[in-house]
């Protein structure tokens, strides 16, 4: 992919962009979250995205977060439309024993968070973000070949032109370098589901 097509939403102080690699050094107290559970709102994480009106496609990226070390340090794939409508998939560091592989979907100003615990020894992850009109699928893979579904969701504001790409942040007093490689666009790998009849 041509990284020249990507634009910043909240450009970080420290980053590096090459043809096949993006490095982001996170800043403390940066995050994406809206209201749910404890009414906290934070909308200041750096996001690097490209625009498209294409209705069917998949975007793949490999993330490396070997330097993450503080609770909630994270990096991953994102579709950020505005402060109240976005989704992300990432691994969030928790402690020296485990971390959370998960996703957040924010529709109309309310976030959710779906996670599963994985070993802290995992220091890289591939993500595949797929679009079918205004529905979306997030998948992950440890080898870039075999992907597992993380979430299928509908985005209320996701039917027209969208922006998608990568992000990294440190919600607590922390900083680490996130590395993104192997970005590519493909035909939609999330196939139509035609096996069930509607009511």
N, C-alpha and C. Protein backbone atom coordinates (compact mmCIF):
# COMPACT_ATOMS: atom_id res chain seq x y z
N UNK A 1 0.84 -1.19 0.00
CA UNK A 1 0.00 0.00 0.00
C UNK A 1 0.87 1.24 0.00
N UNK A 2 0.36 2.30 -0.59
CA UNK A 2 1.07 3.58 -0.62
C UNK A 2 0.69 4.37 0.62
N UNK A 3 1.62 4.53 1.55
CA UNK A 3 1.33 5.25 2.78
C UNK A 3 1.07 6.73 2.55
N UNK A 4 1.38 7.22 1.35
CA UNK A 4 1.09 8.62 1.04
C UNK A 4 -0.40 8.89 1.01
N UNK A 5 -1.21 7.84 0.88
CA UNK A 5 -2.67 7.99 0.86
C UNK A 5 -3.27 8.12 2.26
N UNK A 6 -2.44 7.95 3.28
CA UNK A 6 -2.92 8.00 4.65
C UNK A 6 -2.76 9.40 5.23
N UNK A 7 -3.72 9.79 6.06
CA UNK A 7 -3.69 11.11 6.70
C UNK A 7 -3.91 10.95 8.20
N UNK A 8 -3.32 11.86 8.95
CA UNK A 8 -3.43 11.82 10.41
C UNK A 8 -4.71 12.44 10.91
N UNK A 9 -5.32 11.81 11.88
CA UNK A 9 -6.25 12.45 12.80
C UNK A 9 -5.51 12.50 14.13
N UNK A 10 -5.12 13.68 14.56
CA UNK A 10 -4.28 13.87 15.74
C UNK A 10 -2.89 13.29 15.51
N UNK A 11 -2.06 14.04 14.82
CA UNK A 11 -0.69 13.62 14.52
C UNK A 11 0.13 13.52 15.81
N UNK A 12 0.81 12.40 16.03
CA UNK A 12 1.62 12.26 17.24
C UNK A 12 2.91 13.06 17.14
N UNK A 13 3.55 13.28 18.28
CA UNK A 13 4.80 14.03 18.29
C UNK A 13 5.94 13.24 17.67
N UNK A 14 5.92 11.93 17.85
CA UNK A 14 7.03 11.09 17.39
C UNK A 14 6.51 9.93 16.56
N UNK A 15 6.92 9.89 15.30
CA UNK A 15 6.53 8.78 14.42
C UNK A 15 7.49 8.72 13.24
N UNK A 16 7.40 7.63 12.50
CA UNK A 16 8.21 7.45 11.29
C UNK A 16 7.38 6.68 10.28
N UNK A 17 7.35 7.18 9.05
CA UNK A 17 6.59 6.53 7.98
C UNK A 17 7.52 6.21 6.83
N UNK A 18 7.57 4.95 6.44
CA UNK A 18 8.29 4.49 5.27
C UNK A 18 7.29 3.83 4.32
N UNK A 19 7.78 3.38 3.17
CA UNK A 19 6.87 2.78 2.20
C UNK A 19 6.20 1.53 2.75
N UNK A 20 6.92 0.76 3.57
CA UNK A 20 6.39 -0.51 4.04
C UNK A 20 6.33 -0.62 5.55
N UNK A 21 6.47 0.51 6.26
CA UNK A 21 6.47 0.47 7.71
C UNK A 21 6.04 1.80 8.29
N UNK A 22 5.26 1.72 9.37
CA UNK A 22 4.89 2.91 10.15
C UNK A 22 5.24 2.63 11.60
N UNK A 23 5.93 3.57 12.23
CA UNK A 23 6.24 3.47 13.65
C UNK A 23 5.59 4.65 14.37
N UNK A 24 4.90 4.37 15.45
CA UNK A 24 4.26 5.41 16.27
C UNK A 24 4.76 5.25 17.70
N UNK A 25 5.27 6.34 18.28
CA UNK A 25 5.63 6.35 19.69
C UNK A 25 4.47 6.99 20.44
N UNK A 26 3.82 6.22 21.30
CA UNK A 26 2.62 6.71 21.97
C UNK A 26 2.96 7.76 23.02
N UNK A 27 1.97 8.57 23.32
CA UNK A 27 2.09 9.58 24.36
C UNK A 27 1.18 9.20 25.53
N UNK A 28 1.58 9.56 26.76
CA UNK A 28 0.77 9.20 27.93
C UNK A 28 -0.64 9.79 27.88
N UNK A 29 -1.57 9.06 28.44
CA UNK A 29 -2.96 9.49 28.62
C UNK A 29 -3.67 9.72 27.29
N UNK A 30 -3.36 8.88 26.30
CA UNK A 30 -4.06 8.92 25.01
C UNK A 30 -4.93 7.67 24.90
N UNK A 31 -6.14 7.84 24.35
CA UNK A 31 -7.08 6.72 24.33
C UNK A 31 -8.25 7.04 23.42
N UNK A 32 -9.07 6.01 23.13
CA UNK A 32 -10.36 6.16 22.47
C UNK A 32 -11.39 5.41 23.31
N UNK A 33 -12.33 6.13 23.88
CA UNK A 33 -13.42 5.52 24.66
C UNK A 33 -14.54 6.53 24.82
N UNK A 34 -15.79 6.03 24.83
CA UNK A 34 -16.94 6.92 24.98
C UNK A 34 -17.96 6.36 25.98
N UNK A 35 -18.00 6.92 27.16
CA UNK A 35 -19.11 6.90 28.12
C UNK A 35 -19.41 5.59 28.84
N UNK A 36 -19.58 4.48 28.11
CA UNK A 36 -20.13 3.27 28.70
C UNK A 36 -19.40 2.84 29.96
N UNK A 37 -20.15 2.43 30.96
CA UNK A 37 -19.69 1.81 32.20
C UNK A 37 -19.29 2.84 33.25
N UNK A 38 -18.36 3.73 32.94
CA UNK A 38 -17.92 4.67 33.96
C UNK A 38 -17.95 6.11 33.48
N UNK A 39 -18.66 6.36 32.39
CA UNK A 39 -18.93 7.70 31.87
C UNK A 39 -17.68 8.46 31.44
N UNK A 40 -16.57 7.74 31.31
CA UNK A 40 -15.31 8.34 30.91
C UNK A 40 -15.33 8.60 29.40
N UNK A 41 -14.76 9.70 28.99
CA UNK A 41 -14.63 10.03 27.58
C UNK A 41 -13.20 10.45 27.28
N UNK A 42 -12.60 9.78 26.31
CA UNK A 42 -11.26 10.16 25.87
C UNK A 42 -11.19 9.96 24.37
N UNK A 43 -10.80 11.00 23.66
CA UNK A 43 -10.83 10.99 22.20
C UNK A 43 -9.57 11.68 21.67
N UNK A 44 -8.40 11.17 22.10
CA UNK A 44 -7.18 11.87 21.71
C UNK A 44 -6.08 10.95 21.19
N UNK A 45 -6.39 9.71 20.86
CA UNK A 45 -5.38 8.81 20.30
C UNK A 45 -5.05 9.20 18.86
N UNK A 46 -3.78 9.09 18.47
CA UNK A 46 -3.43 9.34 17.07
C UNK A 46 -3.94 8.23 16.16
N UNK A 47 -4.49 8.62 15.03
CA UNK A 47 -5.08 7.69 14.07
C UNK A 47 -4.56 8.04 12.69
N UNK A 48 -4.05 7.04 11.97
CA UNK A 48 -3.54 7.24 10.61
C UNK A 48 -4.41 6.41 9.66
N UNK A 49 -5.11 7.11 8.74
CA UNK A 49 -6.13 6.43 7.94
C UNK A 49 -6.12 6.89 6.48
N UNK A 50 -6.76 6.09 5.65
CA UNK A 50 -7.06 6.48 4.28
C UNK A 50 -8.58 6.44 4.08
N UNK A 51 -9.05 7.16 3.07
CA UNK A 51 -10.48 7.24 2.77
C UNK A 51 -10.84 6.30 1.63
N UNK A 52 -12.08 5.83 1.66
CA UNK A 52 -12.59 5.06 0.53
C UNK A 52 -14.11 5.10 0.52
N UNK A 53 -14.67 4.94 -0.67
CA UNK A 53 -16.10 4.73 -0.84
C UNK A 53 -16.38 3.29 -1.29
N UNK A 54 -15.33 2.49 -1.41
CA UNK A 54 -15.48 1.09 -1.82
C UNK A 54 -16.31 0.34 -0.78
N UNK A 55 -17.32 -0.39 -1.24
CA UNK A 55 -18.25 -1.05 -0.33
C UNK A 55 -17.82 -2.45 0.10
N UNK A 56 -16.88 -3.06 -0.64
CA UNK A 56 -16.47 -4.42 -0.34
C UNK A 56 -14.96 -4.52 -0.47
N UNK A 57 -14.27 -4.73 0.64
CA UNK A 57 -12.81 -4.87 0.61
C UNK A 57 -12.34 -5.42 1.95
N UNK A 58 -11.06 -5.80 2.00
CA UNK A 58 -10.39 -6.19 3.24
C UNK A 58 -9.07 -5.44 3.34
N UNK A 59 -8.72 -5.06 4.54
CA UNK A 59 -7.46 -4.38 4.85
C UNK A 59 -6.72 -5.23 5.88
N UNK A 60 -5.46 -5.54 5.59
CA UNK A 60 -4.65 -6.38 6.46
C UNK A 60 -3.44 -5.59 6.94
N UNK A 61 -3.08 -5.76 8.21
CA UNK A 61 -1.89 -5.11 8.76
C UNK A 61 -1.30 -5.98 9.85
N UNK A 62 0.02 -5.97 9.95
CA UNK A 62 0.72 -6.65 11.03
C UNK A 62 1.17 -5.62 12.06
N UNK A 63 0.94 -5.90 13.34
CA UNK A 63 1.35 -5.00 14.41
C UNK A 63 2.42 -5.67 15.27
N UNK A 64 3.38 -4.87 15.71
CA UNK A 64 4.40 -5.32 16.64
C UNK A 64 4.40 -4.38 17.83
N UNK A 65 4.23 -4.94 19.03
CA UNK A 65 4.11 -4.13 20.24
C UNK A 65 5.00 -4.69 21.33
N UNK A 66 6.22 -5.11 20.95
CA UNK A 66 7.15 -5.73 21.89
C UNK A 66 7.50 -4.81 23.05
N UNK A 67 7.39 -3.50 22.84
CA UNK A 67 7.76 -2.55 23.89
C UNK A 67 6.61 -2.21 24.85
N UNK A 68 5.41 -2.68 24.59
CA UNK A 68 4.29 -2.35 25.48
C UNK A 68 4.57 -2.92 26.87
N UNK A 69 4.23 -2.16 27.91
CA UNK A 69 4.63 -2.57 29.25
C UNK A 69 3.71 -2.06 30.36
N UNK A 70 2.84 -1.11 30.04
CA UNK A 70 1.97 -0.51 31.05
C UNK A 70 0.52 -0.88 30.75
N UNK A 71 -0.28 -1.01 31.78
CA UNK A 71 -1.67 -1.41 31.60
C UNK A 71 -2.36 -0.54 30.54
N UNK A 72 -3.02 -1.20 29.62
CA UNK A 72 -3.81 -0.61 28.53
C UNK A 72 -2.98 -0.11 27.36
N UNK A 73 -1.64 -0.18 27.38
CA UNK A 73 -0.86 0.09 26.17
C UNK A 73 -1.44 -0.74 25.03
N UNK A 74 -1.63 -0.12 23.86
CA UNK A 74 -2.32 -0.83 22.79
C UNK A 74 -1.99 -0.27 21.42
N UNK A 75 -2.16 -1.10 20.40
CA UNK A 75 -2.07 -0.66 19.01
C UNK A 75 -2.82 -1.66 18.15
N UNK A 76 -3.34 -1.18 17.03
CA UNK A 76 -4.09 -2.09 16.19
C UNK A 76 -4.72 -1.41 14.99
N UNK A 77 -5.81 -2.01 14.53
CA UNK A 77 -6.54 -1.54 13.36
C UNK A 77 -7.73 -0.71 13.82
N UNK A 78 -8.13 0.27 12.99
CA UNK A 78 -9.19 1.19 13.40
C UNK A 78 -9.99 1.66 12.19
N UNK A 79 -11.25 1.97 12.42
CA UNK A 79 -12.05 2.76 11.49
C UNK A 79 -12.63 3.90 12.32
N UNK A 80 -12.07 5.07 12.17
CA UNK A 80 -12.48 6.23 12.96
C UNK A 80 -13.24 7.19 12.04
N UNK A 81 -14.55 7.30 12.26
CA UNK A 81 -15.38 8.18 11.45
C UNK A 81 -15.49 9.56 12.08
N UNK A 82 -15.79 9.59 13.38
CA UNK A 82 -15.80 10.81 14.17
C UNK A 82 -15.73 10.39 15.63
N UNK A 83 -15.78 11.34 16.55
CA UNK A 83 -15.56 11.02 17.96
C UNK A 83 -16.60 10.06 18.53
N UNK A 84 -17.77 9.96 17.90
CA UNK A 84 -18.84 9.13 18.45
C UNK A 84 -19.13 7.89 17.62
N UNK A 85 -18.37 7.66 16.56
CA UNK A 85 -18.61 6.52 15.68
C UNK A 85 -17.29 5.96 15.17
N UNK A 86 -16.89 4.81 15.73
CA UNK A 86 -15.63 4.20 15.34
C UNK A 86 -15.56 2.77 15.87
N UNK A 87 -14.61 2.01 15.32
CA UNK A 87 -14.32 0.68 15.85
C UNK A 87 -12.82 0.47 15.84
N UNK A 88 -12.35 -0.42 16.72
CA UNK A 88 -10.93 -0.74 16.77
C UNK A 88 -10.74 -2.18 17.21
N UNK A 89 -9.64 -2.78 16.77
CA UNK A 89 -9.23 -4.09 17.22
C UNK A 89 -7.78 -4.02 17.64
N UNK A 90 -7.44 -4.59 18.79
CA UNK A 90 -6.07 -4.45 19.30
C UNK A 90 -5.81 -5.46 20.41
N UNK A 91 -4.57 -5.46 20.88
CA UNK A 91 -4.18 -6.15 22.10
C UNK A 91 -3.80 -5.09 23.11
N UNK A 92 -4.38 -5.17 24.30
CA UNK A 92 -4.10 -4.22 25.38
C UNK A 92 -3.31 -4.93 26.48
N UNK A 93 -2.15 -4.41 26.77
CA UNK A 93 -1.32 -4.97 27.84
C UNK A 93 -2.06 -4.86 29.17
N UNK A 94 -1.98 -5.90 29.98
CA UNK A 94 -2.64 -5.88 31.28
C UNK A 94 -1.61 -5.97 32.42
N UNK A 95 -0.82 -7.03 32.42
CA UNK A 95 0.21 -7.19 33.45
C UNK A 95 1.25 -8.18 32.95
N UNK A 96 2.13 -8.64 33.83
CA UNK A 96 3.21 -9.52 33.43
C UNK A 96 2.79 -10.93 33.09
N UNK A 97 1.49 -11.24 33.22
CA UNK A 97 1.00 -12.59 32.98
C UNK A 97 0.09 -12.69 31.75
N UNK A 98 -0.75 -11.69 31.53
CA UNK A 98 -1.68 -11.79 30.41
C UNK A 98 -1.99 -10.40 29.85
N UNK A 99 -2.63 -10.41 28.70
CA UNK A 99 -3.10 -9.18 28.05
C UNK A 99 -4.44 -9.47 27.39
N UNK A 100 -5.11 -8.44 26.92
CA UNK A 100 -6.45 -8.60 26.35
C UNK A 100 -6.43 -8.41 24.83
N UNK A 101 -6.81 -9.44 24.12
CA UNK A 101 -7.09 -9.34 22.69
C UNK A 101 -8.56 -8.99 22.57
N UNK A 102 -8.87 -7.88 21.92
CA UNK A 102 -10.27 -7.49 21.89
C UNK A 102 -10.60 -6.44 20.86
N UNK A 103 -11.84 -6.00 20.93
CA UNK A 103 -12.34 -4.99 19.99
C UNK A 103 -13.33 -4.08 20.71
N UNK A 104 -13.40 -2.87 20.22
CA UNK A 104 -14.36 -1.88 20.71
C UNK A 104 -15.16 -1.36 19.53
N UNK A 105 -16.46 -1.32 19.68
CA UNK A 105 -17.34 -0.70 18.69
C UNK A 105 -18.07 0.45 19.37
N UNK A 106 -18.00 1.61 18.77
CA UNK A 106 -18.67 2.80 19.29
C UNK A 106 -19.67 3.30 18.27
N UNK A 107 -20.95 3.23 18.62
CA UNK A 107 -22.04 3.74 17.78
C UNK A 107 -22.77 4.83 18.54
N UNK A 108 -22.92 5.99 17.92
CA UNK A 108 -23.69 7.09 18.49
C UNK A 108 -23.24 7.45 19.91
N UNK A 109 -21.92 7.42 20.13
CA UNK A 109 -21.37 7.95 21.36
C UNK A 109 -21.28 6.99 22.52
N UNK A 110 -21.49 5.68 22.30
CA UNK A 110 -21.36 4.70 23.37
C UNK A 110 -20.47 3.54 22.92
N UNK A 111 -19.44 3.26 23.70
CA UNK A 111 -18.48 2.20 23.39
C UNK A 111 -18.84 0.90 24.10
N UNK A 112 -18.50 -0.22 23.46
CA UNK A 112 -18.48 -1.49 24.16
C UNK A 112 -17.06 -2.04 24.09
N UNK A 113 -16.80 -3.13 24.79
CA UNK A 113 -15.46 -3.73 24.79
C UNK A 113 -15.62 -5.23 24.95
N UNK A 114 -15.22 -5.99 23.94
CA UNK A 114 -15.27 -7.45 23.98
C UNK A 114 -13.84 -7.97 23.95
N UNK A 115 -13.46 -8.83 24.92
CA UNK A 115 -12.07 -9.26 25.03
C UNK A 115 -11.96 -10.74 25.37
N UNK A 116 -10.75 -11.24 25.15
CA UNK A 116 -10.35 -12.54 25.66
C UNK A 116 -8.91 -12.43 26.12
N UNK A 117 -8.56 -13.12 27.20
CA UNK A 117 -7.21 -13.06 27.72
C UNK A 117 -6.28 -13.96 26.90
N UNK A 118 -5.08 -13.43 26.60
CA UNK A 118 -4.06 -14.20 25.89
C UNK A 118 -2.73 -14.02 26.63
N UNK A 119 -1.76 -14.89 26.39
CA UNK A 119 -0.48 -14.79 27.11
C UNK A 119 0.25 -13.48 26.80
N UNK A 120 0.98 -12.98 27.77
CA UNK A 120 1.74 -11.76 27.59
C UNK A 120 2.93 -11.97 26.65
N UNK A 121 3.26 -13.21 26.39
CA UNK A 121 4.38 -13.52 25.49
C UNK A 121 4.07 -13.18 24.03
N UNK A 122 2.80 -13.02 23.68
CA UNK A 122 2.43 -12.63 22.32
C UNK A 122 2.81 -11.17 22.11
N UNK A 123 3.69 -10.90 21.14
CA UNK A 123 4.20 -9.55 20.93
C UNK A 123 3.95 -9.02 19.53
N UNK A 124 3.22 -9.79 18.71
CA UNK A 124 2.83 -9.31 17.39
C UNK A 124 1.50 -9.95 17.02
N UNK A 125 0.74 -9.27 16.18
CA UNK A 125 -0.56 -9.78 15.76
C UNK A 125 -0.93 -9.16 14.42
N UNK A 126 -1.51 -9.98 13.56
CA UNK A 126 -2.09 -9.51 12.30
C UNK A 126 -3.58 -9.25 12.51
N UNK A 127 -4.08 -8.23 11.82
CA UNK A 127 -5.51 -7.95 11.83
C UNK A 127 -6.01 -7.85 10.40
N UNK A 128 -7.26 -8.30 10.20
CA UNK A 128 -7.94 -8.13 8.92
C UNK A 128 -9.28 -7.46 9.17
N UNK A 129 -9.44 -6.30 8.56
CA UNK A 129 -10.65 -5.48 8.67
C UNK A 129 -11.38 -5.58 7.34
N UNK A 130 -12.62 -6.06 7.37
CA UNK A 130 -13.38 -6.26 6.13
C UNK A 130 -14.69 -5.50 6.16
N UNK A 131 -15.06 -5.00 5.00
CA UNK A 131 -16.31 -4.25 4.86
C UNK A 131 -17.24 -4.92 3.86
N UNK A 132 -18.51 -5.03 4.25
CA UNK A 132 -19.59 -5.38 3.32
C UNK A 132 -20.67 -4.32 3.52
N UNK A 133 -20.62 -3.27 2.72
CA UNK A 133 -21.53 -2.13 2.80
C UNK A 133 -21.41 -1.45 4.17
N UNK A 134 -22.44 -1.51 5.03
CA UNK A 134 -22.33 -0.86 6.34
C UNK A 134 -22.15 -1.87 7.47
N UNK A 135 -21.75 -3.08 7.12
CA UNK A 135 -21.41 -4.11 8.11
C UNK A 135 -19.92 -4.41 8.02
N UNK A 136 -19.34 -4.81 9.16
CA UNK A 136 -17.88 -4.93 9.25
C UNK A 136 -17.49 -6.18 10.03
N UNK A 137 -16.31 -6.69 9.69
CA UNK A 137 -15.77 -7.87 10.36
C UNK A 137 -14.32 -7.59 10.74
N UNK A 138 -13.97 -7.92 11.98
CA UNK A 138 -12.59 -7.86 12.45
C UNK A 138 -12.10 -9.28 12.72
N UNK A 139 -10.89 -9.58 12.21
CA UNK A 139 -10.27 -10.88 12.43
C UNK A 139 -8.82 -10.67 12.87
N UNK A 140 -8.25 -11.71 13.48
CA UNK A 140 -6.86 -11.65 13.90
C UNK A 140 -6.14 -12.92 13.52
N UNK A 141 -4.80 -12.85 13.49
CA UNK A 141 -3.99 -14.00 13.11
C UNK A 141 -2.60 -13.84 13.69
N UNK A 142 -2.01 -14.94 14.14
CA UNK A 142 -0.64 -14.90 14.63
C UNK A 142 0.37 -15.16 13.53
N UNK A 143 -0.08 -15.64 12.36
CA UNK A 143 0.86 -15.94 11.28
C UNK A 143 0.56 -15.20 9.98
N UNK A 144 -0.51 -14.42 9.93
CA UNK A 144 -0.86 -13.69 8.71
C UNK A 144 -1.53 -14.55 7.66
N UNK A 145 -1.80 -15.81 7.98
CA UNK A 145 -2.40 -16.74 7.01
C UNK A 145 -3.75 -17.23 7.51
N UNK A 146 -3.77 -17.74 8.72
CA UNK A 146 -4.99 -18.29 9.30
C UNK A 146 -5.62 -17.25 10.24
N UNK A 147 -6.76 -16.71 9.84
CA UNK A 147 -7.43 -15.66 10.59
C UNK A 147 -8.63 -16.21 11.36
N UNK A 148 -8.84 -15.65 12.55
CA UNK A 148 -9.98 -16.02 13.37
C UNK A 148 -10.87 -14.81 13.61
N UNK A 149 -12.16 -15.03 13.57
CA UNK A 149 -13.10 -13.93 13.76
C UNK A 149 -13.05 -13.37 15.18
N UNK A 150 -12.97 -12.06 15.29
CA UNK A 150 -13.06 -11.36 16.57
C UNK A 150 -14.46 -10.78 16.76
N UNK A 151 -15.01 -10.21 15.69
CA UNK A 151 -16.30 -9.53 15.81
C UNK A 151 -16.90 -9.25 14.44
N UNK A 152 -18.22 -9.34 14.39
CA UNK A 152 -19.02 -8.82 13.27
C UNK A 152 -19.91 -7.74 13.85
N UNK A 153 -20.01 -6.61 13.18
CA UNK A 153 -20.82 -5.52 13.72
C UNK A 153 -21.40 -4.67 12.60
N UNK A 154 -22.40 -3.90 12.97
CA UNK A 154 -23.00 -2.90 12.09
C UNK A 154 -22.59 -1.53 12.59
N UNK A 155 -22.24 -0.64 11.67
CA UNK A 155 -21.90 0.73 12.04
C UNK A 155 -22.97 1.67 11.52
N UNK A 156 -23.61 2.37 12.45
CA UNK A 156 -24.75 3.22 12.09
C UNK A 156 -24.38 4.29 11.08
N UNK A 157 -23.14 4.79 11.16
CA UNK A 157 -22.68 5.84 10.25
C UNK A 157 -21.69 5.30 9.23
N UNK A 158 -21.68 3.99 9.03
CA UNK A 158 -20.65 3.37 8.19
C UNK A 158 -21.08 2.98 6.81
N UNK A 159 -22.11 3.62 6.26
CA UNK A 159 -22.62 3.21 4.95
C UNK A 159 -22.06 3.94 3.76
N UNK A 160 -21.39 5.07 3.98
CA UNK A 160 -20.88 5.87 2.87
C UNK A 160 -19.37 5.86 2.82
N UNK A 161 -18.81 7.05 2.62
CA UNK A 161 -17.36 7.18 2.63
C UNK A 161 -16.84 6.94 4.05
N UNK A 162 -15.80 6.14 4.17
CA UNK A 162 -15.24 5.84 5.48
C UNK A 162 -13.74 6.13 5.48
N UNK A 163 -13.17 6.12 6.68
CA UNK A 163 -11.73 6.18 6.86
C UNK A 163 -11.33 4.97 7.70
N UNK A 164 -10.20 4.36 7.37
CA UNK A 164 -9.73 3.20 8.11
C UNK A 164 -8.21 3.16 8.09
N UNK A 165 -7.64 2.48 9.09
CA UNK A 165 -6.19 2.39 9.12
C UNK A 165 -5.69 1.85 10.44
N UNK A 166 -4.78 2.59 11.09
CA UNK A 166 -4.08 2.10 12.27
C UNK A 166 -4.08 3.16 13.37
N UNK A 167 -3.83 2.70 14.61
CA UNK A 167 -3.75 3.62 15.74
C UNK A 167 -2.87 2.99 16.82
N UNK A 168 -2.41 3.82 17.75
CA UNK A 168 -1.67 3.35 18.92
C UNK A 168 -1.86 4.37 20.04
N UNK A 169 -1.93 3.89 21.28
CA UNK A 169 -2.12 4.82 22.39
C UNK A 169 -1.71 4.19 23.71
N UNK A 170 -1.54 5.04 24.71
CA UNK A 170 -1.20 4.63 26.08
C UNK A 170 -2.12 5.37 27.04
N UNK A 171 -3.22 4.75 27.46
CA UNK A 171 -4.19 5.44 28.32
C UNK A 171 -3.65 5.86 29.68
N UNK A 172 -2.61 5.20 30.17
CA UNK A 172 -2.03 5.60 31.44
C UNK A 172 -0.70 6.33 31.22
N UNK A 173 0.06 6.55 32.28
CA UNK A 173 1.31 7.30 32.19
C UNK A 173 2.39 6.40 31.60
N UNK A 174 2.38 6.28 30.26
CA UNK A 174 3.25 5.32 29.58
C UNK A 174 3.56 5.80 28.18
N UNK A 175 4.54 5.15 27.57
CA UNK A 175 4.89 5.39 26.17
C UNK A 175 5.60 4.16 25.64
N UNK A 176 5.30 3.78 24.41
CA UNK A 176 6.00 2.66 23.77
C UNK A 176 5.95 2.85 22.27
N UNK A 177 6.81 2.12 21.56
CA UNK A 177 6.84 2.20 20.10
C UNK A 177 6.03 1.07 19.50
N UNK A 178 5.02 1.42 18.70
CA UNK A 178 4.22 0.45 17.96
C UNK A 178 4.68 0.44 16.51
N UNK A 179 4.82 -0.75 15.95
CA UNK A 179 5.33 -0.89 14.58
C UNK A 179 4.28 -1.61 13.73
N UNK A 180 4.00 -1.03 12.58
CA UNK A 180 2.98 -1.56 11.66
C UNK A 180 3.65 -1.88 10.32
N UNK A 181 3.47 -3.10 9.82
CA UNK A 181 4.05 -3.52 8.55
C UNK A 181 3.05 -4.35 7.76
N UNK A 182 3.45 -4.73 6.55
CA UNK A 182 2.68 -5.67 5.72
C UNK A 182 1.24 -5.22 5.48
N UNK A 183 1.04 -3.92 5.32
CA UNK A 183 -0.30 -3.41 5.05
C UNK A 183 -0.68 -3.70 3.60
N UNK A 184 -1.91 -4.18 3.41
CA UNK A 184 -2.36 -4.42 2.04
C UNK A 184 -3.89 -4.39 1.97
N UNK A 185 -4.38 -4.01 0.80
CA UNK A 185 -5.80 -4.06 0.47
C UNK A 185 -6.06 -5.23 -0.45
N UNK A 186 -7.16 -5.94 -0.22
CA UNK A 186 -7.52 -7.07 -1.06
C UNK A 186 -9.01 -7.03 -1.37
N UNK A 187 -9.45 -7.92 -2.23
CA UNK A 187 -10.87 -8.15 -2.38
C UNK A 187 -11.43 -8.59 -1.03
N UNK A 188 -12.70 -8.37 -0.82
CA UNK A 188 -13.30 -8.69 0.47
C UNK A 188 -13.17 -10.18 0.77
N UNK A 189 -12.47 -10.49 1.86
CA UNK A 189 -12.28 -11.88 2.28
C UNK A 189 -13.40 -12.38 3.18
N UNK A 190 -14.29 -11.50 3.54
CA UNK A 190 -15.46 -11.83 4.36
C UNK A 190 -16.61 -12.14 3.40
N UNK A 191 -16.84 -13.40 3.18
CA UNK A 191 -17.78 -13.82 2.15
C UNK A 191 -19.23 -13.66 2.60
N UNK A 192 -20.10 -13.49 1.62
CA UNK A 192 -21.53 -13.37 1.90
C UNK A 192 -22.03 -14.64 2.56
N UNK A 193 -22.96 -14.47 3.50
CA UNK A 193 -23.53 -15.61 4.23
C UNK A 193 -24.91 -15.88 3.68
N UNK A 194 -25.03 -16.91 2.82
CA UNK A 194 -26.30 -17.18 2.17
C UNK A 194 -26.90 -18.52 2.53
N UNK A 195 -26.47 -19.08 3.66
CA UNK A 195 -26.91 -20.42 4.01
C UNK A 195 -28.21 -20.47 4.81
N UNK A 196 -28.66 -19.33 5.35
CA UNK A 196 -29.87 -19.33 6.15
C UNK A 196 -30.97 -18.54 5.43
N UNK A 197 -32.21 -19.01 5.61
CA UNK A 197 -33.34 -18.29 5.05
C UNK A 197 -33.84 -17.27 6.06
N UNK A 198 -34.29 -16.14 5.54
CA UNK A 198 -34.82 -15.11 6.42
C UNK A 198 -36.22 -15.49 6.90
N UNK A 199 -36.61 -14.90 8.03
CA UNK A 199 -37.96 -15.12 8.55
C UNK A 199 -38.99 -14.59 7.56
